[in-house]
Protein backbone atom coordinates (compact mmCIF):
# COMPACT_ATOMS: atom_id res chain seq x y z
CA UNK A 1 10.52 -22.99 15.13
CA UNK A 2 8.30 -22.40 18.06
CA UNK A 3 5.36 -24.80 18.80
CA UNK A 4 2.90 -21.92 18.79
CA UNK A 5 3.94 -21.59 14.70
CA UNK A 6 3.67 -25.35 14.20
CA UNK A 7 0.40 -25.29 15.66
CA UNK A 8 -0.63 -22.96 13.82
CA UNK A 9 0.53 -24.26 10.49
CA UNK A 10 -0.49 -27.54 11.57
CA UNK A 11 -4.21 -25.69 11.32
CA UNK A 12 -3.30 -24.60 8.08
CA UNK A 13 -2.69 -27.67 6.42
CA UNK A 14 -5.53 -29.51 8.15
CA UNK A 15 -7.89 -26.66 7.02
CA UNK A 16 -5.73 -27.09 2.74
CA UNK A 17 -6.24 -30.76 3.00
CA UNK A 18 -9.82 -30.41 4.33
CA UNK A 19 -11.12 -28.33 1.47
CA UNK A 20 -9.44 -31.06 -1.04
CA UNK A 21 -6.95 -28.41 -2.25
CA UNK A 22 -3.73 -28.94 -3.22
CA UNK A 23 0.01 -26.64 -2.38
CA UNK A 24 -0.64 -25.45 -5.86
CA UNK A 25 -4.25 -24.72 -5.47
CA UNK A 26 -4.03 -22.71 -2.06
CA UNK A 27 -0.93 -20.86 -3.61
CA UNK A 28 -3.07 -19.20 -6.20
CA UNK A 29 -5.80 -18.41 -3.60
CA UNK A 30 -3.25 -16.65 -1.73
CA UNK A 31 -1.36 -15.01 -4.86
CA UNK A 32 1.88 -16.67 -3.75
CA UNK A 33 3.99 -19.36 -5.17
CA UNK A 34 3.70 -22.99 -4.60
CA UNK A 35 7.88 -23.32 -3.18
CA UNK A 36 6.43 -20.93 -0.58
CA UNK A 37 3.35 -23.20 0.21
CA UNK A 38 6.04 -26.01 0.37
CA UNK A 39 8.28 -24.31 2.69
CA UNK A 40 5.48 -23.31 5.08
CA UNK A 41 4.34 -26.48 5.53
CA UNK A 42 7.85 -28.29 5.59
CA UNK A 43 8.33 -26.02 8.89
CA UNK A 44 11.95 -25.15 8.04
CA UNK A 45 11.24 -22.01 8.35
CA UNK A 46 9.39 -19.23 10.89
CA UNK A 47 6.50 -18.06 8.43
CA UNK A 48 6.43 -13.83 8.08
CA UNK A 49 3.02 -12.93 9.31
CA UNK A 50 1.80 -11.68 6.14
CA UNK A 51 2.05 -14.89 4.30
CA UNK A 52 0.40 -16.54 7.23
CA UNK A 53 -2.72 -14.04 6.66
CA UNK A 54 -2.68 -13.94 3.05
CA UNK A 55 -2.83 -18.31 3.54
CA UNK A 56 -5.65 -17.96 6.33
CA UNK A 57 -7.87 -15.40 3.76
CA UNK A 58 -7.54 -17.61 1.05
CA UNK A 59 -8.84 -21.17 3.39
CA UNK A 60 -11.71 -18.75 4.89
CA UNK A 61 -10.70 -18.26 7.72
CA UNK A 62 -9.08 -15.78 10.29
CA UNK A 63 -5.32 -15.90 12.69
CA UNK A 64 -6.89 -15.00 16.11
CA UNK A 65 -4.51 -13.33 19.30
CA UNK A 66 -4.58 -15.63 22.11
CA UNK A 67 -3.77 -14.73 25.66
CA UNK A 68 -0.58 -17.38 26.10
CA UNK A 69 -1.52 -20.34 28.29
CA UNK A 70 -4.59 -20.49 26.97
CA UNK A 71 -3.69 -21.87 23.11
CA UNK A 72 -5.37 -25.05 24.13
CA UNK A 73 -8.89 -24.03 25.55
CA UNK A 74 -9.30 -21.80 22.03
CA UNK A 75 -8.02 -22.32 18.82
CA UNK A 76 -5.37 -20.58 17.42
CA UNK A 77 -7.51 -20.04 13.55
CA UNK A 78 -11.21 -19.11 13.83
CA UNK A 79 -13.37 -19.57 11.05
CA UNK A 80 -13.56 -21.51 8.33
CA UNK A 81 -15.64 -24.54 6.90
CA UNK A 82 -14.15 -27.73 7.92
């Protein structure tokens, strides 16, 4: 899996935990199933963009497009309260 995907997933996991949500809670809020969240968080499959967007919206944040090489300077996920 590409490093940028791992970074996005790690950030989404951190935000889920910071909000005190279980995988099941997040799945319900994102209109997905808990196994989808579990597969995403296991980092064994590259997630589909629509899945990432649903999760980001459920967590109250946006996915940002950042030019290559600037990932360390600017977060890949914006908004939301952690």
